Full PDB file with SEQRES, HELIX, SHEET, SSBOND, CRYST1, ORIGX, SCALE, CONECT and MASTER records, all heavy atoms in Angstrom:
SEQRES   1 A   32  ILE ASP GLN LEU LEU ALA LEU PRO PRO GLU GLU HIS SER          
SEQRES   2 A   32  ILE GLU LEU LEU LYS ILE LYS LYS GLU ILE GLU GLU LEU          
SEQRES   3 A   32  ASN ARG HIS SER ILE CYS                                      
HELIX    1 AA1 ASP A    2  LEU A    5  1                                   4    
HELIX    2 AA2 PRO A    9  LYS A   18  1                                  10    
HELIX    3 AA3 LYS A   20  LEU A   26  1                                   7    
CRYST1    1.000    1.000    1.000  90.00  90.00  90.00 P 1           1          
ORIGX1      1.000000  0.000000  0.000000        0.00000                         
ORIGX2      0.000000  1.000000  0.000000        0.00000                         
ORIGX3      0.000000  0.000000  1.000000        0.00000                         
SCALE1      1.000000  0.000000  0.000000        0.00000                         
SCALE2      0.000000  1.000000  0.000000        0.00000                         
SCALE3      0.000000  0.000000  1.000000        0.00000                         
ATOM      1  N   ILE A   1       2.165  -0.205  -5.435  1.00  0.00           N  
ATOM      2  CA  ILE A   1       2.625  -1.312  -4.578  1.00  0.00           C  
ATOM      3  C   ILE A   1       3.708  -2.122  -5.329  1.00  0.00           C  
ATOM      4  O   ILE A   1       4.713  -2.545  -4.710  1.00  0.00           O  
ATOM      5  CB  ILE A   1       1.462  -2.209  -4.149  1.00  0.00           C  
ATOM      6  CG1 ILE A   1       0.563  -1.498  -3.149  1.00  0.00           C  
ATOM      7  CG2 ILE A   1       1.949  -3.548  -3.543  1.00  0.00           C  
ATOM      8  CD1 ILE A   1      -0.710  -2.191  -2.810  1.00  0.00           C  
ATOM      9  N   ASP A   2       3.561  -2.318  -6.610  1.00  0.00           N  
ATOM     10  CA  ASP A   2       4.581  -2.996  -7.382  1.00  0.00           C  
ATOM     11  C   ASP A   2       5.940  -2.219  -7.303  1.00  0.00           C  
ATOM     12  O   ASP A   2       6.981  -2.832  -7.166  1.00  0.00           O  
ATOM     13  CB  ASP A   2       4.197  -3.097  -8.864  1.00  0.00           C  
ATOM     14  CG  ASP A   2       3.176  -4.206  -9.110  1.00  0.00           C  
ATOM     15  OD1 ASP A   2       2.970  -5.031  -8.192  1.00  0.00           O  
ATOM     16  OD2 ASP A   2       2.629  -4.294 -10.228  1.00  0.00           O  
ATOM     17  N   GLN A   3       5.827  -0.886  -7.397  1.00  0.00           N  
ATOM     18  CA  GLN A   3       7.031  -0.087  -7.279  1.00  0.00           C  
ATOM     19  C   GLN A   3       7.697  -0.182  -5.891  1.00  0.00           C  
ATOM     20  O   GLN A   3       8.885  -0.307  -5.763  1.00  0.00           O  
ATOM     21  CB  GLN A   3       6.718   1.383  -7.598  1.00  0.00           C  
ATOM     22  CG  GLN A   3       6.323   1.637  -9.046  1.00  0.00           C  
ATOM     23  CD  GLN A   3       5.679   2.985  -9.244  1.00  0.00           C  
ATOM     24  OE1 GLN A   3       5.583   3.819  -8.320  1.00  0.00           O  
ATOM     25  NE2 GLN A   3       5.244   3.254 -10.473  1.00  0.00           N  
ATOM     26  N   LEU A   4       6.842  -0.196  -4.861  1.00  0.00           N  
ATOM     27  CA  LEU A   4       7.357  -0.265  -3.507  1.00  0.00           C  
ATOM     28  C   LEU A   4       8.006  -1.638  -3.196  1.00  0.00           C  
ATOM     29  O   LEU A   4       9.004  -1.707  -2.468  1.00  0.00           O  
ATOM     30  CB  LEU A   4       6.234  -0.006  -2.489  1.00  0.00           C  
ATOM     31  CG  LEU A   4       5.584   1.391  -2.504  1.00  0.00           C  
ATOM     32  CD1 LEU A   4       4.498   1.489  -1.449  1.00  0.00           C  
ATOM     33  CD2 LEU A   4       6.655   2.466  -2.264  1.00  0.00           C  
ATOM     34  N   LEU A   5       7.461  -2.668  -3.830  1.00  0.00           N  
ATOM     35  CA  LEU A   5       8.025  -3.997  -3.587  1.00  0.00           C  
ATOM     36  C   LEU A   5       9.410  -4.141  -4.198  1.00  0.00           C  
ATOM     37  O   LEU A   5      10.174  -5.062  -3.846  1.00  0.00           O  
ATOM     38  CB  LEU A   5       7.087  -5.057  -4.169  1.00  0.00           C  
ATOM     39  CG  LEU A   5       5.823  -5.305  -3.398  1.00  0.00           C  
ATOM     40  CD1 LEU A   5       4.920  -6.319  -4.103  1.00  0.00           C  
ATOM     41  CD2 LEU A   5       6.074  -5.736  -1.987  1.00  0.00           C  
ATOM     42  N   ALA A   6       9.773  -3.242  -5.107  1.00  0.00           N  
ATOM     43  CA  ALA A   6      11.111  -3.271  -5.715  1.00  0.00           C  
ATOM     44  C   ALA A   6      12.161  -2.643  -4.755  1.00  0.00           C  
ATOM     45  O   ALA A   6      13.371  -2.805  -4.947  1.00  0.00           O  
ATOM     46  CB  ALA A   6      11.100  -2.480  -7.016  1.00  0.00           C  
ATOM     47  N   LEU A   7      11.686  -1.972  -3.722  1.00  0.00           N  
ATOM     48  CA  LEU A   7      12.581  -1.383  -2.744  1.00  0.00           C  
ATOM     49  C   LEU A   7      13.108  -2.445  -1.759  1.00  0.00           C  
ATOM     50  O   LEU A   7      12.502  -3.526  -1.647  1.00  0.00           O  
ATOM     51  CB  LEU A   7      11.853  -0.272  -1.956  1.00  0.00           C  
ATOM     52  CG  LEU A   7      11.311   0.941  -2.713  1.00  0.00           C  
ATOM     53  CD1 LEU A   7      10.463   1.818  -1.826  1.00  0.00           C  
ATOM     54  CD2 LEU A   7      12.444   1.722  -3.338  1.00  0.00           C  
ATOM     55  N   PRO A   8      14.169  -2.155  -1.025  1.00  0.00           N  
ATOM     56  CA  PRO A   8      14.600  -3.056   0.042  1.00  0.00           C  
ATOM     57  C   PRO A   8      13.458  -3.261   1.019  1.00  0.00           C  
ATOM     58  O   PRO A   8      12.669  -2.339   1.274  1.00  0.00           O  
ATOM     59  CB  PRO A   8      15.791  -2.306   0.693  1.00  0.00           C  
ATOM     60  CG  PRO A   8      16.272  -1.406  -0.420  1.00  0.00           C  
ATOM     61  CD  PRO A   8      15.052  -0.999  -1.186  1.00  0.00           C  
ATOM     62  N   PRO A   9      13.360  -4.433   1.627  1.00  0.00           N  
ATOM     63  CA  PRO A   9      12.221  -4.782   2.525  1.00  0.00           C  
ATOM     64  C   PRO A   9      11.941  -3.759   3.599  1.00  0.00           C  
ATOM     65  O   PRO A   9      10.794  -3.429   3.889  1.00  0.00           O  
ATOM     66  CB  PRO A   9      12.642  -6.152   3.109  1.00  0.00           C  
ATOM     67  CG  PRO A   9      13.532  -6.714   2.086  1.00  0.00           C  
ATOM     68  CD  PRO A   9      14.265  -5.594   1.474  1.00  0.00           C  
ATOM     69  N   GLU A  10      13.042  -3.248   4.249  1.00  0.00           N  
ATOM     70  CA  GLU A  10      12.822  -2.297   5.349  1.00  0.00           C  
ATOM     71  C   GLU A  10      12.198  -1.020   4.867  1.00  0.00           C  
ATOM     72  O   GLU A  10      11.468  -0.325   5.571  1.00  0.00           O  
ATOM     73  CB  GLU A  10      14.138  -2.043   6.124  1.00  0.00           C  
ATOM     74  CG  GLU A  10      15.273  -1.416   5.266  1.00  0.00           C  
ATOM     75  CD  GLU A  10      16.036  -2.443   4.515  1.00  0.00           C  
ATOM     76  OE1 GLU A  10      15.672  -3.623   4.484  1.00  0.00           O  
ATOM     77  OE2 GLU A  10      17.043  -2.036   3.867  1.00  0.00           O  
ATOM     78  N   GLU A  11      12.518  -0.660   3.593  1.00  0.00           N  
ATOM     79  CA  GLU A  11      11.966   0.600   3.039  1.00  0.00           C  
ATOM     80  C   GLU A  11      10.544   0.407   2.592  1.00  0.00           C  
ATOM     81  O   GLU A  11       9.686   1.275   2.839  1.00  0.00           O  
ATOM     82  CB  GLU A  11      12.839   1.035   1.872  1.00  0.00           C  
ATOM     83  CG  GLU A  11      14.241   1.542   2.281  1.00  0.00           C  
ATOM     84  CD  GLU A  11      14.995   2.081   1.104  1.00  0.00           C  
ATOM     85  OE1 GLU A  11      14.369   2.721   0.190  1.00  0.00           O  
ATOM     86  OE2 GLU A  11      16.217   1.900   1.008  1.00  0.00           O  
ATOM     87  N   HIS A  12      10.244  -0.696   1.886  1.00  0.00           N  
ATOM     88  CA  HIS A  12       8.894  -0.810   1.394  1.00  0.00           C  
ATOM     89  C   HIS A  12       7.869  -1.018   2.519  1.00  0.00           C  
ATOM     90  O   HIS A  12       6.722  -0.667   2.383  1.00  0.00           O  
ATOM     91  CB  HIS A  12       8.768  -1.840   0.262  1.00  0.00           C  
ATOM     92  CG  HIS A  12       8.862  -3.276   0.642  1.00  0.00           C  
ATOM     93  ND1 HIS A  12       9.637  -4.201  -0.016  1.00  0.00           N  
ATOM     94  CD2 HIS A  12       8.264  -4.005   1.632  1.00  0.00           C  
ATOM     95  CE1 HIS A  12       9.492  -5.406   0.548  1.00  0.00           C  
ATOM     96  NE2 HIS A  12       8.673  -5.306   1.523  1.00  0.00           N  
ATOM     97  N   SER A  13       8.323  -1.592   3.662  1.00  0.00           N  
ATOM     98  CA  SER A  13       7.411  -1.730   4.797  1.00  0.00           C  
ATOM     99  C   SER A  13       6.978  -0.338   5.286  1.00  0.00           C  
ATOM    100  O   SER A  13       5.810  -0.094   5.597  1.00  0.00           O  
ATOM    101  CB  SER A  13       8.118  -2.473   5.904  1.00  0.00           C  
ATOM    102  OG  SER A  13       8.432  -3.796   5.534  1.00  0.00           O  
ATOM    103  N   ILE A  14       7.936   0.562   5.384  1.00  0.00           N  
ATOM    104  CA  ILE A  14       7.665   1.925   5.841  1.00  0.00           C  
ATOM    105  C   ILE A  14       6.734   2.647   4.853  1.00  0.00           C  
ATOM    106  O   ILE A  14       5.776   3.320   5.223  1.00  0.00           O  
ATOM    107  CB  ILE A  14       8.976   2.695   6.063  1.00  0.00           C  
ATOM    108  CG1 ILE A  14       9.777   2.059   7.201  1.00  0.00           C  
ATOM    109  CG2 ILE A  14       8.653   4.173   6.342  1.00  0.00           C  
ATOM    110  CD1 ILE A  14      11.189   2.635   7.331  1.00  0.00           C  
ATOM    111  N   GLU A  15       7.022   2.495   3.544  1.00  0.00           N  
ATOM    112  CA  GLU A  15       6.250   3.211   2.544  1.00  0.00           C  
ATOM    113  C   GLU A  15       4.812   2.656   2.458  1.00  0.00           C  
ATOM    114  O   GLU A  15       3.879   3.373   2.231  1.00  0.00           O  
ATOM    115  CB  GLU A  15       6.939   3.072   1.175  1.00  0.00           C  
ATOM    116  CG  GLU A  15       8.269   3.815   1.088  1.00  0.00           C  
ATOM    117  CD  GLU A  15       8.111   5.289   1.321  1.00  0.00           C  
ATOM    118  OE1 GLU A  15       7.159   5.889   0.783  1.00  0.00           O  
ATOM    119  OE2 GLU A  15       8.952   5.852   2.083  1.00  0.00           O  
ATOM    120  N   LEU A  16       4.682   1.342   2.627  1.00  0.00           N  
ATOM    121  CA  LEU A  16       3.315   0.763   2.623  1.00  0.00           C  
ATOM    122  C   LEU A  16       2.499   1.267   3.783  1.00  0.00           C  
ATOM    123  O   LEU A  16       1.286   1.485   3.630  1.00  0.00           O  
ATOM    124  CB  LEU A  16       3.414  -0.743   2.674  1.00  0.00           C  
ATOM    125  CG  LEU A  16       3.790  -1.486   1.381  1.00  0.00           C  
ATOM    126  CD1 LEU A  16       4.144  -2.931   1.633  1.00  0.00           C  
ATOM    127  CD2 LEU A  16       2.612  -1.407   0.396  1.00  0.00           C  
ATOM    128  N   LEU A  17       3.135   1.477   4.909  1.00  0.00           N  
ATOM    129  CA  LEU A  17       2.390   2.019   6.064  1.00  0.00           C  
ATOM    130  C   LEU A  17       1.775   3.396   5.770  1.00  0.00           C  
ATOM    131  O   LEU A  17       0.728   3.751   6.254  1.00  0.00           O  
ATOM    132  CB  LEU A  17       3.293   2.103   7.286  1.00  0.00           C  
ATOM    133  CG  LEU A  17       3.464   0.882   8.141  1.00  0.00           C  
ATOM    134  CD1 LEU A  17       4.529   1.079   9.183  1.00  0.00           C  
ATOM    135  CD2 LEU A  17       2.127   0.530   8.794  1.00  0.00           C  
ATOM    136  N   LYS A  18       2.466   4.153   4.911  1.00  0.00           N  
ATOM    137  CA  LYS A  18       1.977   5.506   4.586  1.00  0.00           C  
ATOM    138  C   LYS A  18       0.687   5.493   3.776  1.00  0.00           C  
ATOM    139  O   LYS A  18      -0.058   6.492   3.785  1.00  0.00           O  
ATOM    140  CB  LYS A  18       3.075   6.244   3.793  1.00  0.00           C  
ATOM    141  CG  LYS A  18       4.340   6.530   4.631  1.00  0.00           C  
ATOM    142  CD  LYS A  18       5.404   7.246   3.773  1.00  0.00           C  
ATOM    143  CE  LYS A  18       6.688   7.493   4.576  1.00  0.00           C  
ATOM    144  NZ  LYS A  18       7.726   8.187   3.734  1.00  0.00           N  
ATOM    145  N   ILE A  19       0.422   4.401   3.064  1.00  0.00           N  
ATOM    146  CA  ILE A  19      -0.795   4.322   2.249  1.00  0.00           C  
ATOM    147  C   ILE A  19      -1.838   3.418   2.862  1.00  0.00           C  
ATOM    148  O   ILE A  19      -2.816   3.058   2.215  1.00  0.00           O  
ATOM    149  CB  ILE A  19      -0.488   3.916   0.816  1.00  0.00           C  
ATOM    150  CG1 ILE A  19       0.196   2.582   0.753  1.00  0.00           C  
ATOM    151  CG2 ILE A  19       0.376   4.986   0.140  1.00  0.00           C  
ATOM    152  CD1 ILE A  19       0.388   2.007  -0.641  1.00  0.00           C  
ATOM    153  N   LYS A  20      -1.642   3.028   4.094  1.00  0.00           N  
ATOM    154  CA  LYS A  20      -2.533   2.076   4.793  1.00  0.00           C  
ATOM    155  C   LYS A  20      -3.979   2.542   4.788  1.00  0.00           C  
ATOM    156  O   LYS A  20      -4.916   1.800   4.436  1.00  0.00           O  
ATOM    157  CB  LYS A  20      -2.096   1.865   6.214  1.00  0.00           C  
ATOM    158  CG  LYS A  20      -2.974   0.928   7.046  1.00  0.00           C  
ATOM    159  CD  LYS A  20      -2.394   0.716   8.438  1.00  0.00           C  
ATOM    160  CE  LYS A  20      -3.294  -0.191   9.255  1.00  0.00           C  
ATOM    161  NZ  LYS A  20      -4.537   0.452   9.673  1.00  0.00           N  
ATOM    162  N   LYS A  21      -4.225   3.805   5.122  1.00  0.00           N  
ATOM    163  CA  LYS A  21      -5.581   4.331   5.218  1.00  0.00           C  
ATOM    164  C   LYS A  21      -6.277   4.326   3.879  1.00  0.00           C  
ATOM    165  O   LYS A  21      -7.470   3.937   3.786  1.00  0.00           O  
ATOM    166  CB  LYS A  21      -5.567   5.739   5.795  1.00  0.00           C  
ATOM    167  CG  LYS A  21      -6.938   6.320   6.072  1.00  0.00           C  
ATOM    168  CD  LYS A  21      -6.827   7.685   6.751  1.00  0.00           C  
ATOM    169  CE  LYS A  21      -8.217   8.228   7.082  1.00  0.00           C  
ATOM    170  NZ  LYS A  21      -8.149   9.568   7.730  1.00  0.00           N  
ATOM    171  N   GLU A  22      -5.569   4.727   2.820  1.00  0.00           N  
ATOM    172  CA  GLU A  22      -6.124   4.754   1.484  1.00  0.00           C  
ATOM    173  C   GLU A  22      -6.495   3.360   1.010  1.00  0.00           C  
ATOM    174  O   GLU A  22      -7.565   3.105   0.408  1.00  0.00           O  
ATOM    175  CB  GLU A  22      -5.161   5.412   0.510  1.00  0.00           C  
ATOM    176  CG  GLU A  22      -4.985   6.886   0.710  1.00  0.00           C  
ATOM    177  CD  GLU A  22      -3.864   7.203   1.673  1.00  0.00           C  
ATOM    178  OE1 GLU A  22      -3.471   6.308   2.456  1.00  0.00           O  
ATOM    179  OE2 GLU A  22      -3.356   8.362   1.680  1.00  0.00           O  
ATOM    180  N   ILE A  23      -5.611   2.400   1.291  1.00  0.00           N  
ATOM    181  CA  ILE A  23      -5.839   1.020   0.895  1.00  0.00           C  
ATOM    182  C   ILE A  23      -7.095   0.446   1.618  1.00  0.00           C  
ATOM    183  O   ILE A  23      -7.902  -0.232   1.003  1.00  0.00           O  
ATOM    184  CB  ILE A  23      -4.626   0.127   1.253  1.00  0.00           C  
ATOM    185  CG1 ILE A  23      -3.446   0.514   0.372  1.00  0.00           C  
ATOM    186  CG2 ILE A  23      -4.915  -1.340   1.041  1.00  0.00           C  
ATOM    187  CD1 ILE A  23      -3.640   0.352  -1.093  1.00  0.00           C  
ATOM    188  N   GLU A  24      -7.236   0.703   2.894  1.00  0.00           N  
ATOM    189  CA  GLU A  24      -8.377   0.210   3.627  1.00  0.00           C  
ATOM    190  C   GLU A  24      -9.648   0.793   3.067  1.00  0.00           C  
ATOM    191  O   GLU A  24     -10.699   0.101   3.008  1.00  0.00           O  
ATOM    192  CB  GLU A  24      -8.211   0.583   5.128  1.00  0.00           C  
ATOM    193  CG  GLU A  24      -7.151  -0.228   5.813  1.00  0.00           C  
ATOM    194  CD  GLU A  24      -6.975   0.179   7.289  1.00  0.00           C  
ATOM    195  OE1 GLU A  24      -7.460   1.278   7.637  1.00  0.00           O  
ATOM    196  OE2 GLU A  24      -6.332  -0.549   8.025  1.00  0.00           O  
ATOM    197  N   GLU A  25      -9.647   2.062   2.638  1.00  0.00           N  
ATOM    198  CA  GLU A  25     -10.847   2.622   2.038  1.00  0.00           C  
ATOM    199  C   GLU A  25     -11.171   2.002   0.700  1.00  0.00           C  
ATOM    200  O   GLU A  25     -12.334   1.691   0.374  1.00  0.00           O  
ATOM    201  CB  GLU A  25     -10.605   4.146   1.845  1.00  0.00           C  
ATOM    202  CG  GLU A  25     -11.744   4.893   1.138  1.00  0.00           C  
ATOM    203  CD  GLU A  25     -13.055   4.761   1.911  1.00  0.00           C  
ATOM    204  OE1 GLU A  25     -13.039   4.716   3.152  1.00  0.00           O  
ATOM    205  OE2 GLU A  25     -14.120   4.823   1.261  1.00  0.00           O  
ATOM    206  N   LEU A  26     -10.158   1.743  -0.108  1.00  0.00           N  
ATOM    207  CA  LEU A  26     -10.382   1.122  -1.425  1.00  0.00           C  
ATOM    208  C   LEU A  26     -10.845  -0.347  -1.304  1.00  0.00           C  
ATOM    209  O   LEU A  26     -11.517  -0.867  -2.189  1.00  0.00           O  
ATOM    210  CB  LEU A  26      -9.109   1.176  -2.270  1.00  0.00           C  
ATOM    211  CG  LEU A  26      -8.716   2.542  -2.833  1.00  0.00           C  
ATOM    212  CD1 LEU A  26      -7.385   2.451  -3.573  1.00  0.00           C  
ATOM    213  CD2 LEU A  26      -9.828   3.014  -3.808  1.00  0.00           C  
ATOM    214  N   ASN A  27     -10.529  -0.985  -0.180  1.00  0.00           N  
ATOM    215  CA  ASN A  27     -10.934  -2.353   0.008  1.00  0.00           C  
ATOM    216  C   ASN A  27     -12.453  -2.504   0.144  1.00  0.00           C  
ATOM    217  O   ASN A  27     -12.996  -3.618   0.053  1.00  0.00           O  
ATOM    218  CB  ASN A  27     -10.236  -2.957   1.245  1.00  0.00           C  
ATOM    219  CG  ASN A  27      -8.841  -3.452   0.948  1.00  0.00           C  
ATOM    220  OD1 ASN A  27      -8.524  -3.739  -0.226  1.00  0.00           O  
ATOM    221  ND2 ASN A  27      -8.027  -3.548   1.943  1.00  0.00           N  
ATOM    222  N   ARG A  28     -13.127  -1.380   0.396  1.00  0.00           N  
ATOM    223  CA  ARG A  28     -14.579  -1.430   0.597  1.00  0.00           C  
ATOM    224  C   ARG A  28     -15.279  -0.981  -0.670  1.00  0.00           C  
ATOM    225  O   ARG A  28     -15.242   0.204  -1.040  1.00  0.00           O  
ATOM    226  CB  ARG A  28     -15.020  -0.516   1.760  1.00  0.00           C  
ATOM    227  CG  ARG A  28     -14.525  -1.033   3.121  1.00  0.00           C  
ATOM    228  CD  ARG A  28     -15.163  -0.266   4.268  1.00  0.00           C  
ATOM    229  NE  ARG A  28     -14.641   1.064   4.355  1.00  0.00           N  
ATOM    230  CZ  ARG A  28     -13.604   1.436   5.103  1.00  0.00           C  
ATOM    231  NH1 ARG A  28     -12.969   0.525   5.799  1.00  0.00           N  
ATOM    232  NH2 ARG A  28     -13.228   2.673   5.126  1.00  0.00           N  
ATOM    233  N   HIS A  29     -15.949  -1.909  -1.375  1.00  0.00           N  
ATOM    234  CA  HIS A  29     -16.801  -1.575  -2.511  1.00  0.00           C  
ATOM    235  C   HIS A  29     -16.080  -0.703  -3.544  1.00  0.00           C  
ATOM    236  O   HIS A  29     -16.443   0.461  -3.790  1.00  0.00           O  
ATOM    237  CB  HIS A  29     -18.088  -0.887  -2.049  1.00  0.00           C  
ATOM    238  CG  HIS A  29     -18.851  -1.677  -1.046  1.00  0.00           C  
ATOM    239  ND1 HIS A  29     -19.509  -2.827  -1.380  1.00  0.00           N  
ATOM    240  CD2 HIS A  29     -19.026  -1.470   0.274  1.00  0.00           C  
ATOM    241  CE1 HIS A  29     -20.088  -3.341  -0.295  1.00  0.00           C  
ATOM    242  NE2 HIS A  29     -19.816  -2.530   0.730  1.00  0.00           N  
ATOM    243  N   SER A  30     -15.041  -1.259  -4.158  1.00  0.00           N  
ATOM    244  CA  SER A  30     -14.250  -0.462  -5.087  1.00  0.00           C  
ATOM    245  C   SER A  30     -14.751  -0.467  -6.511  1.00  0.00           C  
ATOM    246  O   SER A  30     -14.406   0.389  -7.313  1.00  0.00           O  
ATOM    247  CB  SER A  30     -12.782  -0.951  -5.060  1.00  0.00           C  
ATOM    248  OG  SER A  30     -12.708  -2.314  -5.455  1.00  0.00           O  
ATOM    249  N   ILE A  31     -15.632  -1.440  -6.902  1.00  0.00           N  
ATOM    250  CA  ILE A  31     -16.032  -1.518  -8.320  1.00  0.00           C  
ATOM    251  C   ILE A  31     -17.522  -1.477  -8.493  1.00  0.00           C  
ATOM    252  O   ILE A  31     -18.001  -1.637  -9.616  1.00  0.00           O  
ATOM    253  CB  ILE A  31     -15.422  -2.729  -9.020  1.00  0.00           C  
ATOM    254  CG1 ILE A  31     -15.825  -4.036  -8.369  1.00  0.00           C  
ATOM    255  CG2 ILE A  31     -13.898  -2.591  -9.114  1.00  0.00           C  
ATOM    256  CD1 ILE A  31     -15.350  -5.246  -9.133  1.00  0.00           C  
ATOM    257  N   CYS A  32     -18.277  -1.385  -7.418  1.00  0.00           N  
ATOM    258  CA  CYS A  32     -19.747  -1.156  -7.577  1.00  0.00           C  
ATOM    259  C   CYS A  32     -20.296  -0.485  -6.349  1.00  0.00           C  
ATOM    260  O   CYS A  32     -19.585  -0.323  -5.335  1.00  0.00           O  
ATOM    261  CB  CYS A  32     -20.488  -2.483  -7.857  1.00  0.00           C  
ATOM    262  SG  CYS A  32     -20.674  -3.534  -6.416  1.00  0.00           S  
TER     263      CYS A  32                                                      
MASTER        0    0    0    3    0    0    0    6  262    1    0    3          
END                                                                             
């Protein structure tokens, strides 16, 4: 995400959408 934020706004928005599903999964009980 840090790398994507270095991109132009219109590009990092598109790239973030590509990892949406993985992020939602990690948001649930990631450390226990």
